[in-house]
Amino acid sequence: MENNGPLNEALAATSAAVERVLDPILALPDGPERRVVEAMRYSVFSGGKRLRPFLVLASAELFGVDRTQALRVAAAVECVHCYSLIHDDLPAMDDDDLRRGKPTVHKAFDEATAILAGDALMTVAFEILASDETHSDPYVRLELVRELAKASGHHGMVGGQMIDLSANELELDEGAVHRLQQMKTGALIAFSAEAGAVMGHAGKSARASLQGYARDLGLAFQIADDLLDVEGTPEEVGKATGKDADAGKATLVGLMGVERARKQAEILSDQAIEHLMQFDDKASLLRAVAHFVINRSV
């Protein structure tokens, strides 16, 4: 991606800010429950792009939302994302030993602790959203809770994961794979991009634009992820590669071929950017993200 310095700086700043919010929330207790919090912290503070929290903050800036409040929503989203990664890596799911170049939580601790750490991170997310500190308007807090629940539950991420687990037994065409990816990956990205509009009491037009942006961004992101699984190495990506093909799972890369899939990701990235026209230069970092997701190497 050209001139990605400002975006890289913004992503790094987001990561540091989100960690400052979560550090006291995930303070280590003295009792025997300490182990599960250690596992939660191991997952949350292990790096990562923090793309979803960044989308929360970038969308919040469009509507003049208080940054401290936006950071709390960003932190809640990251908790849900990390919970999903912990559970996805379990032997009963994707059975991965590496995540972000480190042993997965069930390897670093044990399977039972990993399950509980994921469960706890999910509940922490909703505790954060329900707090008065997150927004003064209780109706905004309620909408944030409702929309994150939909994005992360059986209508979204969990439902998509269920389809993904069954994908090697199903005959999935491109439309079915699109739906899978919209649920598993796209739903949480969509919530993140629209959260700022919710907090800022934005109108229908602005929210529709961000929904369109997030829809295309999420699909482009997943295609890029599938390309990394095909073309990357475990050292580059920080996790095992080639697993989708080995498991016989249908992906857009598998259905389209590498070059057509790469072109489709570029088209989706351009479409995502077109949805941001009404925000002019205020959405420059969101536009940069649309380029970043299809050109990343990790």
C-alpha atoms as a PDB file:
ATOM      1  CA  MET A   1       0.000   0.000   0.000  1.00  0.00           C
ATOM      2  CA  GLU A   2       1.287   3.453  -0.810  1.00  0.00           C
ATOM      3  CA  ASN A   3       2.033   5.936   1.927  1.00  0.00           C
ATOM      4  CA  ASN A   4       0.813   3.725   4.737  1.00  0.00           C
ATOM      5  CA  GLY A   5       2.793   5.559   7.409  1.00  0.00           C
ATOM      6  CA  PRO A   6      -0.156   7.510   8.873  1.00  0.00           C
ATOM      7  CA  LEU A   7      -2.293   4.365   8.972  1.00  0.00           C
ATOM      8  CA  ASN A   8       0.440   2.300  10.618  1.00  0.00           C
ATOM      9  CA  GLU A   9       0.893   5.031  13.213  1.00  0.00           C
ATOM     10  CA  ALA A  10      -2.850   5.161  13.824  1.00  0.00           C
ATOM     11  CA  LEU A  11      -3.077   1.365  14.176  1.00  0.00           C
ATOM     12  CA  ALA A  12      -0.183   1.343  16.640  1.00  0.00           C
ATOM     13  CA  ALA A  13      -1.733   4.184  18.633  1.00  0.00           C
ATOM     14  CA  THR A  14      -5.062   2.358  18.707  1.00  0.00           C
ATOM     15  CA  SER A  15      -3.418  -0.818  19.964  1.00  0.00           C
ATOM     16  CA  ALA A  16      -1.631   1.010  22.777  1.00  0.00           C
ATOM     17  CA  ALA A  17      -4.752   2.961  23.759  1.00  0.00           C
ATOM     18  CA  VAL A  18      -6.973  -0.136  23.831  1.00  0.00           C
ATOM     19  CA  GLU A  19      -4.428  -1.947  25.993  1.00  0.00           C
ATOM     20  CA  ARG A  20      -4.398   0.968  28.439  1.00  0.00           C
ATOM     21  CA  VAL A  21      -8.185   0.657  28.745  1.00  0.00           C
ATOM     22  CA  LEU A  22      -8.141  -3.119  29.223  1.00  0.00           C
ATOM     23  CA  ASP A  23      -5.177  -3.346  31.588  1.00  0.00           C
ATOM     24  CA  PRO A  24      -7.107  -2.250  34.729  1.00  0.00           C
ATOM     25  CA  ILE A  25     -10.279  -4.038  33.618  1.00  0.00           C
ATOM     26  CA  LEU A  26      -8.306  -7.299  33.434  1.00  0.00           C
ATOM     27  CA  ALA A  27      -6.358  -6.708  36.645  1.00  0.00           C
ATOM     28  CA  LEU A  28      -5.043  -9.943  38.136  1.00  0.00           C
ATOM     29  CA  PRO A  29      -6.936 -11.054  41.270  1.00  0.00           C
ATOM     30  CA  ASP A  30      -5.265 -12.786  44.206  1.00  0.00           C
ATOM     31  CA  GLY A  31      -7.593 -15.804  44.381  1.00  0.00           C
ATOM     32  CA  PRO A  32      -7.464 -19.110  42.487  1.00  0.00           C
ATOM     33  CA  GLU A  33      -9.443 -17.520  39.632  1.00  0.00           C
ATOM     34  CA  ARG A  34      -6.210 -15.690  38.793  1.00  0.00           C
ATOM     35  CA  ARG A  35      -5.298 -18.357  36.221  1.00  0.00           C
ATOM     36  CA  VAL A  36      -8.246 -17.609  33.947  1.00  0.00           C
ATOM     37  CA  VAL A  37      -7.449 -13.886  34.014  1.00  0.00           C
ATOM     38  CA  GLU A  38      -3.836 -14.684  33.145  1.00  0.00           C
ATOM     39  CA  ALA A  39      -5.134 -16.597  30.125  1.00  0.00           C
ATOM     40  CA  MET A  40      -7.408 -13.679  29.168  1.00  0.00           C
ATOM     41  CA  ARG A  41      -4.480 -11.276  29.354  1.00  0.00           C
ATOM     42  CA  TYR A  42      -2.280 -13.682  27.391  1.00  0.00           C
ATOM     43  CA  SER A  43      -4.768 -13.525  24.518  1.00  0.00           C
ATOM     44  CA  VAL A  44      -5.575  -9.818  24.659  1.00  0.00           C
ATOM     45  CA  PHE A  45      -2.015  -8.542  25.074  1.00  0.00           C
ATOM     46  CA  SER A  46      -0.413 -10.756  22.433  1.00  0.00           C
ATOM     47  CA  GLY A  47      -0.354  -8.180  19.648  1.00  0.00           C
ATOM     48  CA  GLY A  48      -2.475  -8.246  16.527  1.00  0.00           C
ATOM     49  CA  LYS A  49      -3.561  -5.544  14.102  1.00  0.00           C
ATOM     50  CA  ARG A  50      -6.437  -4.225  16.298  1.00  0.00           C
ATOM     51  CA  LEU A  51      -8.293  -3.560  13.044  1.00  0.00           C
ATOM     52  CA  ARG A  52     -11.755  -3.773  14.601  1.00  0.00           C
ATOM     53  CA  PRO A  53     -10.978  -1.340  17.450  1.00  0.00           C
ATOM     54  CA  PHE A  54      -9.433   0.981  14.889  1.00  0.00           C
ATOM     55  CA  LEU A  55     -12.654   0.954  12.856  1.00  0.00           C
ATOM     56  CA  VAL A  56     -14.604   1.878  15.992  1.00  0.00           C
ATOM     57  CA  LEU A  57     -12.355   4.876  16.649  1.00  0.00           C
ATOM     58  CA  ALA A  58     -12.246   5.989  13.019  1.00  0.00           C
ATOM     59  CA  SER A  59     -16.023   5.876  12.678  1.00  0.00           C
ATOM     60  CA  ALA A  60     -16.435   7.667  16.006  1.00  0.00           C
ATOM     61  CA  GLU A  61     -14.230  10.521  14.781  1.00  0.00           C
ATOM     62  CA  LEU A  62     -16.593  11.084  11.849  1.00  0.00           C
ATOM     63  CA  PHE A  63     -19.328  12.090  14.289  1.00  0.00           C
ATOM     64  CA  GLY A  64     -17.328  13.887  16.966  1.00  0.00           C
ATOM     65  CA  VAL A  65     -17.728  11.131  19.577  1.00  0.00           C
ATOM     66  CA  ASP A  66     -15.704  11.489  22.765  1.00  0.00           C
ATOM     67  CA  ARG A  67     -12.520   9.443  22.265  1.00  0.00           C
ATOM     68  CA  THR A  68     -12.523   8.053  25.810  1.00  0.00           C
ATOM     69  CA  GLN A  69     -15.994   6.622  25.273  1.00  0.00           C
ATOM     70  CA  ALA A  70     -15.108   5.315  21.816  1.00  0.00           C
ATOM     71  CA  LEU A  71     -12.060   3.570  23.262  1.00  0.00           C
ATOM     72  CA  ARG A  72     -14.269   1.639  25.651  1.00  0.00           C
ATOM     73  CA  VAL A  73     -16.385   0.359  22.761  1.00  0.00           C
ATOM     74  CA  ALA A  74     -13.195  -0.466  20.866  1.00  0.00           C
ATOM     75  CA  ALA A  75     -11.955  -2.424  23.878  1.00  0.00           C
ATOM     76  CA  ALA A  76     -15.243  -4.335  24.080  1.00  0.00           C
ATOM     77  CA  VAL A  77     -14.957  -5.316  20.414  1.00  0.00           C
ATOM     78  CA  GLU A  78     -11.397  -6.517  20.927  1.00  0.00           C
ATOM     79  CA  CYS A  79     -12.533  -8.677  23.852  1.00  0.00           C
ATOM     80  CA  VAL A  80     -15.116 -10.369  21.615  1.00  0.00           C
ATOM     81  CA  HIS A  81     -12.562 -10.821  18.839  1.00  0.00           C
ATOM     82  CA  CYS A  82     -10.003 -12.368  21.199  1.00  0.00           C
ATOM     83  CA  TYR A  83     -12.629 -14.668  22.702  1.00  0.00           C
ATOM     84  CA  SER A  84     -13.462 -15.901  19.209  1.00  0.00           C
ATOM     85  CA  LEU A  85      -9.794 -16.572  18.436  1.00  0.00           C
ATOM     86  CA  ILE A  86      -9.330 -18.564  21.649  1.00  0.00           C
ATOM     87  CA  HIS A  87     -12.329 -20.763  20.865  1.00  0.00           C
ATOM     88  CA  ASP A  88     -11.517 -21.071  17.138  1.00  0.00           C
ATOM     89  CA  ASP A  89      -8.066 -22.426  18.007  1.00  0.00           C
ATOM     90  CA  LEU A  90      -9.395 -25.208  20.271  1.00  0.00           C
ATOM     91  CA  PRO A  91      -8.936 -28.860  19.203  1.00  0.00           C
ATOM     92  CA  ALA A  92     -12.712 -29.198  18.790  1.00  0.00           C
ATOM     93  CA  MET A  93     -12.696 -26.296  16.293  1.00  0.00           C
ATOM     94  CA  ASP A  94      -9.702 -25.442  14.064  1.00  0.00           C
ATOM     95  CA  ASP A  95      -7.138 -27.195  16.293  1.00  0.00           C
ATOM     96  CA  ASP A  96      -4.326 -24.643  15.939  1.00  0.00           C
ATOM     97  CA  ASP A  97      -1.120 -24.574  17.954  1.00  0.00           C
ATOM     98  CA  LEU A  98       0.031 -21.081  16.956  1.00  0.00           C
ATOM     99  CA  ARG A  99      -1.654 -17.683  17.008  1.00  0.00           C
ATOM    100  CA  ARG A 100       0.230 -14.447  16.299  1.00  0.00           C
ATOM    101  CA  GLY A 101       3.456 -16.427  16.381  1.00  0.00           C
ATOM    102  CA  LYS A 102       2.863 -17.694  19.927  1.00  0.00           C
ATOM    103  CA  PRO A 103       1.372 -20.890  21.372  1.00  0.00           C
ATOM    104  CA  THR A 104      -2.414 -20.688  21.365  1.00  0.00           C
ATOM    105  CA  VAL A 105      -4.143 -20.234  24.714  1.00  0.00           C
ATOM    106  CA  HIS A 106      -5.074 -23.903  25.125  1.00  0.00           C
ATOM    107  CA  LYS A 107      -1.430 -24.800  24.500  1.00  0.00           C
ATOM    108  CA  ALA A 108      -0.012 -22.163  26.830  1.00  0.00           C
ATOM    109  CA  PHE A 109      -2.534 -23.062  29.564  1.00  0.00           C
ATOM    110  CA  ASP A 110      -4.991 -25.938  28.981  1.00  0.00           C
ATOM    111  CA  GLU A 111      -8.242 -26.514  27.131  1.00  0.00           C
ATOM    112  CA  ALA A 112     -10.571 -25.929  30.068  1.00  0.00           C
ATOM    113  CA  THR A 113      -8.856 -22.662  30.987  1.00  0.00           C
ATOM    114  CA  ALA A 114      -8.979 -21.563  27.346  1.00  0.00           C
ATOM    115  CA  ILE A 115     -12.734 -22.165  27.174  1.00  0.00           C
ATOM    116  CA  LEU A 116     -13.292 -20.213  30.371  1.00  0.00           C
ATOM    117  CA  ALA A 117     -10.994 -17.384  29.239  1.00  0.00           C
ATOM    118  CA  GLY A 118     -13.005 -17.027  26.027  1.00  0.00           C
ATOM    119  CA  ASP A 119     -16.278 -17.103  27.937  1.00  0.00           C
ATOM    120  CA  ALA A 120     -15.036 -14.456  30.346  1.00  0.00           C
ATOM    121  CA  LEU A 121     -13.784 -12.131  27.604  1.00  0.00           C
ATOM    122  CA  MET A 122     -17.184 -12.251  25.950  1.00  0.00           C
ATOM    123  CA  THR A 123     -18.939 -11.286  29.184  1.00  0.00           C
ATOM    124  CA  VAL A 124     -16.400  -8.519  29.904  1.00  0.00           C
ATOM    125  CA  ALA A 125     -17.282  -6.983  26.539  1.00  0.00           C
ATOM    126  CA  PHE A 126     -20.930  -6.547  27.498  1.00  0.00           C
ATOM    127  CA  GLU A 127     -20.018  -5.355  30.977  1.00  0.00           C
ATOM    128  CA  ILE A 128     -17.988  -2.586  29.320  1.00  0.00           C
ATOM    129  CA  LEU A 129     -20.781  -1.590  26.928  1.00  0.00           C
ATOM    130  CA  ALA A 130     -23.408  -1.498  29.692  1.00  0.00           C
ATOM    131  CA  SER A 131     -21.332   0.852  31.869  1.00  0.00           C
ATOM    132  CA  ASP A 132     -22.299   4.504  32.304  1.00  0.00           C
ATOM    133  CA  GLU A 133     -18.692   5.390  31.431  1.00  0.00           C
ATOM    134  CA  THR A 134     -19.208   4.125  27.873  1.00  0.00           C
ATOM    135  CA  HIS A 135     -22.020   6.536  26.971  1.00  0.00           C
ATOM    136  CA  SER A 136     -24.320   8.863  28.889  1.00  0.00           C
ATOM    137  CA  ASP A 137     -27.363   7.837  26.831  1.00  0.00           C
ATOM    138  CA  PRO A 138     -28.782   4.499  28.065  1.00  0.00           C
ATOM    139  CA  TYR A 139     -30.504   3.955  24.715  1.00  0.00           C
ATOM    140  CA  VAL A 140     -27.155   4.175  22.945  1.00  0.00           C
ATOM    141  CA  ARG A 141     -25.660   1.667  25.377  1.00  0.00           C
ATOM    142  CA  LEU A 142     -28.630  -0.639  24.801  1.00  0.00           C
ATOM    143  CA  GLU A 143     -28.233  -0.436  21.018  1.00  0.00           C
ATOM    144  CA  LEU A 144     -24.504  -1.144  21.290  1.00  0.00           C
ATOM    145  CA  VAL A 145     -25.201  -4.212  23.440  1.00  0.00           C
ATOM    146  CA  ARG A 146     -27.945  -5.432  21.101  1.00  0.00           C
ATOM    147  CA  GLU A 147     -25.937  -4.948  17.903  1.00  0.00           C
ATOM    148  CA  LEU A 148     -22.758  -6.524  19.283  1.00  0.00           C
ATOM    149  CA  ALA A 149     -24.796  -9.487  20.531  1.00  0.00           C
ATOM    150  CA  LYS A 150     -26.280  -9.957  17.040  1.00  0.00           C
ATOM    151  CA  ALA A 151     -22.891  -9.581  15.352  1.00  0.00           C
ATOM    152  CA  SER A 152     -21.192 -12.093  17.640  1.00  0.00           C
ATOM    153  CA  GLY A 153     -24.012 -14.652  18.082  1.00  0.00           C
ATOM    154  CA  HIS A 154     -25.749 -17.184  15.876  1.00  0.00           C
ATOM    155  CA  HIS A 155     -26.897 -14.466  13.467  1.00  0.00           C
ATOM    156  CA  GLY A 156     -23.246 -13.506  12.936  1.00  0.00           C
ATOM    157  CA  MET A 157     -19.870 -14.782  14.050  1.00  0.00           C
ATOM    158  CA  VAL A 158     -20.979 -17.960  15.867  1.00  0.00           C
ATOM    159  CA  GLY A 159     -23.364 -18.905  13.074  1.00  0.00           C
ATOM    160  CA  GLY A 160     -20.626 -18.375  10.520  1.00  0.00           C
ATOM    161  CA  GLN A 161     -18.244 -20.536  12.507  1.00  0.00           C
ATOM    162  CA  MET A 162     -20.849 -23.295  12.615  1.00  0.00           C
ATOM    163  CA  ILE A 163     -21.178 -23.191   8.832  1.00  0.00           C
ATOM    164  CA  ASP A 164     -17.387 -23.135   8.517  1.00  0.00           C
ATOM    165  CA  LEU A 165     -17.039 -26.231  10.706  1.00  0.00           C
ATOM    166  CA  SER A 166     -19.470 -28.029   8.396  1.00  0.00           C
ATOM    167  CA  ALA A 167     -18.018 -26.619   5.180  1.00  0.00           C
ATOM    168  CA  ASN A 168     -16.008 -29.736   4.297  1.00  0.00           C
ATOM    169  CA  GLU A 169     -19.269 -31.729   4.264  1.00  0.00           C
ATOM    170  CA  LEU A 170     -21.289 -29.189   2.280  1.00  0.00           C
ATOM    171  CA  GLU A 171     -21.414 -28.219  -1.386  1.00  0.00           C
ATOM    172  CA  LEU A 172     -20.917 -24.470  -0.996  1.00  0.00           C
ATOM    173  CA  ASP A 173     -21.092 -22.228  -4.046  1.00  0.00           C
ATOM    174  CA  GLU A 174     -19.749 -18.663  -4.169  1.00  0.00           C
ATOM    175  CA  GLY A 175     -22.977 -17.229  -2.754  1.00  0.00           C
ATOM    176  CA  ALA A 176     -22.919 -19.617   0.200  1.00  0.00           C
ATOM    177  CA  VAL A 177     -19.257 -18.839   0.910  1.00  0.00           C
ATOM    178  CA  HIS A 178     -20.027 -15.112   0.747  1.00  0.00           C
ATOM    179  CA  ARG A 179     -22.747 -15.635   3.368  1.00  0.00           C
ATOM    180  CA  LEU A 180     -20.419 -17.695   5.565  1.00  0.00           C
ATOM    181  CA  GLN A 181     -17.767 -14.986   5.468  1.00  0.00           C
ATOM    182  CA  GLN A 182     -20.248 -12.170   6.029  1.00  0.00           C
ATOM    183  CA  MET A 183     -21.342 -13.922   9.202  1.00  0.00           C
ATOM    184  CA  LYS A 184     -18.055 -15.267  10.549  1.00  0.00           C
ATOM    185  CA  THR A 185     -15.814 -12.280   9.785  1.00  0.00           C
ATOM    186  CA  GLY A 186     -17.940  -9.513   8.331  1.00  0.00           C
ATOM    187  CA  ALA A 187     -20.514  -9.138  11.102  1.00  0.00           C
ATOM    188  CA  LEU A 188     -18.026  -8.004  13.758  1.00  0.00           C
ATOM    189  CA  ILE A 189     -16.263  -5.737  11.263  1.00  0.00           C
ATOM    190  CA  ALA A 190     -19.647  -4.241  10.371  1.00  0.00           C
ATOM    191  CA  PHE A 191     -20.474  -3.572  14.020  1.00  0.00           C
ATOM    192  CA  SER A 192     -17.081  -1.928  14.500  1.00  0.00           C
ATOM    193  CA  ALA A 193     -17.517   0.394  11.520  1.00  0.00           C
ATOM    194  CA  GLU A 194     -21.047   1.406  12.526  1.00  0.00           C
ATOM    195  CA  ALA A 195     -20.431   1.765  16.263  1.00  0.00           C
ATOM    196  CA  GLY A 196     -19.251   5.364  15.909  1.00  0.00           C
ATOM    197  CA  ALA A 197     -22.481   6.233  14.102  1.00  0.00           C
ATOM    198  CA  VAL A 198     -24.495   4.680  16.929  1.00  0.00           C
ATOM    199  CA  MET A 199     -22.580   6.647  19.562  1.00  0.00           C
ATOM    200  CA  GLY A 200     -22.849   9.838  17.525  1.00  0.00           C
ATOM    201  CA  HIS A 201     -26.614   9.594  16.870  1.00  0.00           C
ATOM    202  CA  ALA A 202     -25.890   9.604  13.122  1.00  0.00           C
ATOM    203  CA  GLY A 203     -28.662   9.628  10.529  1.00  0.00           C
ATOM    204  CA  LYS A 204     -29.781   6.783   8.292  1.00  0.00           C
ATOM    205  CA  SER A 205     -27.731   7.885   5.291  1.00  0.00           C
ATOM    206  CA  ALA A 206     -24.452   7.953   7.200  1.00  0.00           C
ATOM    207  CA  ARG A 207     -25.158   4.609   8.814  1.00  0.00           C
ATOM    208  CA  ALA A 208     -26.083   3.049   5.472  1.00  0.00           C
ATOM    209  CA  SER A 209     -22.802   4.268   3.982  1.00  0.00           C
ATOM    210  CA  LEU A 210     -20.794   2.730   6.806  1.00  0.00           C
ATOM    211  CA  GLN A 211     -22.768  -0.513   6.530  1.00  0.00           C
ATOM    212  CA  GLY A 212     -21.930  -0.727   2.832  1.00  0.00           C
ATOM    213  CA  TYR A 213     -18.304   0.096   3.503  1.00  0.00           C
ATOM    214  CA  ALA A 214     -18.047  -2.580   6.189  1.00  0.00           C
ATOM    215  CA  ARG A 215     -19.798  -5.210   4.083  1.00  0.00           C
ATOM    216  CA  ASP A 216     -17.328  -4.877   1.219  1.00  0.00           C
ATOM    217  CA  LEU A 217     -14.363  -4.398   3.556  1.00  0.00           C
ATOM    218  CA  GLY A 218     -15.194  -7.580   5.459  1.00  0.00           C
ATOM    219  CA  LEU A 219     -15.349  -9.684   2.295  1.00  0.00           C
ATOM    220  CA  ALA A 220     -12.108  -8.185   0.974  1.00  0.00           C
ATOM    221  CA  PHE A 221     -10.448  -8.885   4.319  1.00  0.00           C
ATOM    222  CA  GLN A 222     -11.527 -12.529   4.298  1.00  0.00           C
ATOM    223  CA  ILE A 223     -10.363 -13.102   0.722  1.00  0.00           C
ATOM    224  CA  ALA A 224      -6.985 -11.598   1.647  1.00  0.00           C
ATOM    225  CA  ASP A 225      -6.884 -13.899   4.680  1.00  0.00           C
ATOM    226  CA  ASP A 226      -7.617 -16.913   2.473  1.00  0.00           C
ATOM    227  CA  LEU A 227      -4.870 -15.833   0.062  1.00  0.00           C
ATOM    228  CA  LEU A 228      -2.419 -15.690   2.958  1.00  0.00           C
ATOM    229  CA  ASP A 229      -3.475 -19.213   3.925  1.00  0.00           C
ATOM    230  CA  VAL A 230      -2.607 -20.360   0.395  1.00  0.00           C
ATOM    231  CA  GLU A 231       0.495 -18.286  -0.306  1.00  0.00           C
ATOM    232  CA  GLY A 232       1.962 -17.424   3.105  1.00  0.00           C
ATOM    233  CA  THR A 233       4.225 -19.372   5.430  1.00  0.00           C
ATOM    234  CA  PRO A 234       3.601 -20.053   9.139  1.00  0.00           C
ATOM    235  CA  GLU A 235       6.569 -17.802   9.965  1.00  0.00           C
ATOM    236  CA  GLU A 236       5.116 -14.912   7.966  1.00  0.00           C
ATOM    237  CA  VAL A 237       1.508 -15.312   9.055  1.00  0.00           C
ATOM    238  CA  GLY A 238       2.102 -16.349  12.674  1.00  0.00           C
ATOM    239  CA  LYS A 239      -0.139 -19.418  12.451  1.00  0.00           C
ATOM    240  CA  ALA A 240      -0.463 -22.640  10.454  1.00  0.00           C
ATOM    241  CA  THR A 241      -1.205 -22.209   6.750  1.00  0.00           C
ATOM    242  CA  GLY A 242      -2.816 -24.426   4.122  1.00  0.00           C
ATOM    243  CA  LYS A 243      -5.354 -25.782   6.592  1.00  0.00           C
ATOM    244  CA  ASP A 244      -8.467 -24.875   4.600  1.00  0.00           C
ATOM    245  CA  ALA A 245      -7.303 -26.842   1.573  1.00  0.00           C
ATOM    246  CA  ASP A 246      -6.201 -29.771   3.745  1.00  0.00           C
ATOM    247  CA  ALA A 247      -9.625 -29.839   5.411  1.00  0.00           C
ATOM    248  CA  GLY A 248     -11.444 -29.604   2.087  1.00  0.00           C
ATOM    249  CA  LYS A 249     -13.171 -26.348   3.066  1.00  0.00           C
ATOM    250  CA  ALA A 250     -14.693 -24.194   0.362  1.00  0.00           C
ATOM    251  CA  THR A 251     -13.199 -20.685   0.120  1.00  0.00           C
ATOM    252  CA  LEU A 252     -13.514 -18.027  -2.545  1.00  0.00           C
ATOM    253  CA  VAL A 253      -9.854 -18.580  -3.378  1.00  0.00           C
ATOM    254  CA  GLY A 254     -10.536 -22.271  -3.903  1.00  0.00           C
ATOM    255  CA  LEU A 255     -13.648 -21.605  -5.971  1.00  0.00           C
ATOM    256  CA  MET A 256     -12.293 -18.698  -8.023  1.00  0.00           C
ATOM    257  CA  GLY A 257      -8.601 -19.409  -8.198  1.00  0.00           C
ATOM    258  CA  VAL A 258      -5.867 -17.187  -6.786  1.00  0.00           C
ATOM    259  CA  GLU A 259      -5.785 -14.499  -9.481  1.00  0.00           C
ATOM    260  CA  ARG A 260      -9.547 -14.068  -9.791  1.00  0.00           C
ATOM    261  CA  ALA A 261      -9.898 -13.984  -6.000  1.00  0.00           C
ATOM    262  CA  ARG A 262      -7.189 -11.331  -5.746  1.00  0.00           C
ATOM    263  CA  LYS A 263      -8.986  -9.254  -8.376  1.00  0.00           C
ATOM    264  CA  GLN A 264     -12.263  -9.672  -6.505  1.00  0.00           C
ATOM    265  CA  ALA A 265     -10.621  -8.409  -3.307  1.00  0.00           C
ATOM    266  CA  GLU A 266      -9.404  -5.326  -5.185  1.00  0.00           C
ATOM    267  CA  ILE A 267     -12.899  -4.683  -6.553  1.00  0.00           C
ATOM    268  CA  LEU A 268     -14.406  -5.010  -3.074  1.00  0.00           C
ATOM    269  CA  SER A 269     -11.796  -2.641  -1.661  1.00  0.00           C
ATOM    270  CA  ASP A 270     -12.675  -0.039  -4.299  1.00  0.00           C
ATOM    271  CA  GLN A 271     -16.384  -0.496  -3.622  1.00  0.00           C
ATOM    272  CA  ALA A 272     -15.809  -0.020   0.111  1.00  0.00           C
ATOM    273  CA  ILE A 273     -14.074   3.282  -0.597  1.00  0.00           C
ATOM    274  CA  GLU A 274     -16.946   4.469  -2.808  1.00  0.00           C
ATOM    275  CA  HIS A 275     -19.332   4.126   0.140  1.00  0.00           C
ATOM    276  CA  LEU A 276     -17.342   6.808   2.002  1.00  0.00           C
ATOM    277  CA  MET A 277     -17.885   9.621  -0.499  1.00  0.00           C
ATOM    278  CA  GLN A 278     -20.199  11.633   1.734  1.00  0.00           C
ATOM    279  CA  PHE A 279     -17.541  11.873   4.463  1.00  0.00           C
ATOM    280  CA  ASP A 280     -14.919  13.576   2.248  1.00  0.00           C
ATOM    281  CA  ASP A 281     -11.425  13.865   3.765  1.00  0.00           C
ATOM    282  CA  LYS A 282     -12.682  12.941   7.242  1.00  0.00           C
ATOM    283  CA  ALA A 283     -12.687   9.299   6.151  1.00  0.00           C
ATOM    284  CA  SER A 284      -9.112   9.223   4.823  1.00  0.00           C
ATOM    285  CA  LEU A 285      -7.955   6.588   7.310  1.00  0.00           C
ATOM    286  CA  LEU A 286     -10.984   4.412   6.606  1.00  0.00           C
ATOM    287  CA  ARG A 287     -10.069   4.590   2.927  1.00  0.00           C
ATOM    288  CA  ALA A 288      -6.504   3.623   3.779  1.00  0.00           C
ATOM    289  CA  VAL A 289      -7.810   0.594   5.692  1.00  0.00           C
ATOM    290  CA  ALA A 290      -9.608  -0.612   2.563  1.00  0.00           C
ATOM    291  CA  HIS A 291      -6.255  -0.680   0.750  1.00  0.00           C
ATOM    292  CA  PHE A 292      -4.416  -2.106   3.755  1.00  0.00           C
ATOM    293  CA  VAL A 293      -6.580  -5.197   4.177  1.00  0.00           C
ATOM    294  CA  ILE A 294      -5.862  -6.500   0.679  1.00  0.00           C
ATOM    295  CA  ASN A 295      -2.149  -5.694   0.709  1.00  0.00           C
ATOM    296  CA  ARG A 296      -1.206  -6.947   4.165  1.00  0.00           C
ATOM    297  CA  SER A 297       1.273  -9.781   4.674  1.00  0.00           C
ATOM    298  CA  VAL A 298       0.025 -10.867   8.120  1.00  0.00           C
END
